[in-house]
């Protein structure tokens, strides 16, 4: 099964991986066991998607929030004066 991970979308892009097992642990946490690997990765349920379209939507939302945050930061720096 393929899943799309958006946890690092703003730094590494959307990561598409093959998984052996996907298990809901409760409290919004999902455990993903990668194929050919014995380790499991715990992700928030809004960081792991079963199809590409919602992953793209989430990454776009993350991008827009980051842009807004950076604009706010730039405004604060532009208003800052040293005497």
Protein backbone atom coordinates (compact mmCIF):
# COMPACT_ATOMS: atom_id res chain seq x y z
CA UNK A 1 0.00 0.00 0.00
CA UNK A 2 1.20 3.52 -0.78
CA UNK A 3 0.90 6.47 1.56
CA UNK A 4 1.85 10.11 1.17
CA UNK A 5 3.53 11.79 4.15
CA UNK A 6 3.31 15.57 4.54
CA UNK A 7 5.19 15.97 7.82
CA UNK A 8 8.25 17.41 6.06
CA UNK A 9 6.44 18.87 3.04
CA UNK A 10 7.99 22.33 3.42
CA UNK A 11 11.55 21.01 3.58
CA UNK A 12 11.62 17.69 1.71
CA UNK A 13 8.35 17.78 -0.20
CA UNK A 14 5.56 15.21 0.00
CA UNK A 15 7.12 11.79 0.59
CA UNK A 16 5.52 8.83 -1.17
CA UNK A 17 6.32 5.48 0.46
CA UNK A 18 5.26 1.86 0.26
CA UNK A 19 4.12 0.53 3.60
CA UNK A 20 3.47 -2.95 4.91
CA UNK A 21 1.11 -1.88 7.66
CA UNK A 22 -0.86 1.18 8.68
CA UNK A 23 -2.35 1.10 12.15
CA UNK A 24 -4.41 3.69 14.04
CA UNK A 25 -3.09 3.96 17.61
CA UNK A 26 -5.71 6.38 18.91
CA UNK A 27 -5.49 10.06 19.89
CA UNK A 28 -4.83 11.00 16.24
CA UNK A 29 -1.63 8.91 15.96
CA UNK A 30 -0.95 6.50 13.10
CA UNK A 31 1.84 3.89 13.06
CA UNK A 32 3.35 3.26 9.62
CA UNK A 33 5.58 0.21 9.07
CA UNK A 34 7.74 0.72 5.99
CA UNK A 35 8.21 -2.11 3.49
CA UNK A 36 11.56 -3.93 3.73
CA UNK A 37 12.08 -2.33 7.13
CA UNK A 38 11.46 -3.51 10.65
CA UNK A 39 10.84 -0.08 12.12
CA UNK A 40 7.58 1.74 12.54
CA UNK A 41 7.08 5.49 12.28
CA UNK A 42 4.45 7.24 14.38
CA UNK A 43 2.75 10.17 12.67
CA UNK A 44 -0.20 12.40 13.41
CA UNK A 45 -3.17 11.30 11.34
CA UNK A 46 -3.10 14.60 9.41
CA UNK A 47 0.49 13.90 8.26
CA UNK A 48 -0.25 10.62 6.45
CA UNK A 49 -2.67 10.19 3.53
CA UNK A 50 -3.89 7.23 1.49
CA UNK A 51 -4.16 9.26 -1.73
CA UNK A 52 -2.11 12.04 -3.25
CA UNK A 53 -4.82 14.72 -3.63
CA UNK A 54 -5.48 15.32 0.08
CA UNK A 55 -1.73 15.27 0.72
CA UNK A 56 -1.27 18.02 -1.86
CA UNK A 57 -4.09 20.04 -0.27
CA UNK A 58 -2.49 19.71 3.18
CA UNK A 59 0.95 20.70 1.85
CA UNK A 60 -0.56 23.74 0.12
CA UNK A 61 -2.29 24.72 3.36
CA UNK A 62 1.02 24.37 5.22
CA UNK A 63 2.75 26.50 2.59
CA UNK A 64 0.15 29.27 2.84
CA UNK A 65 0.40 29.33 6.65
CA UNK A 66 4.20 29.54 6.45
CA UNK A 67 4.03 32.41 3.95
CA UNK A 68 1.62 34.32 6.21
CA UNK A 69 3.89 33.74 9.20
CA UNK A 70 6.96 34.94 7.31
CA UNK A 71 5.11 38.06 6.09
CA UNK A 72 4.20 38.87 9.68
CA UNK A 73 7.82 38.38 10.73
CA UNK A 74 9.04 40.66 7.91
CA UNK A 75 6.55 43.37 8.96
CA UNK A 76 7.83 43.26 12.54
CA UNK A 77 11.42 43.52 11.35
CA UNK A 78 10.63 46.43 9.02
CA UNK A 79 8.93 48.31 11.87
CA UNK A 80 11.84 47.73 14.21
CA UNK A 81 14.03 50.80 14.84
CA UNK A 82 17.31 51.07 16.69
CA UNK A 83 18.35 54.32 18.33
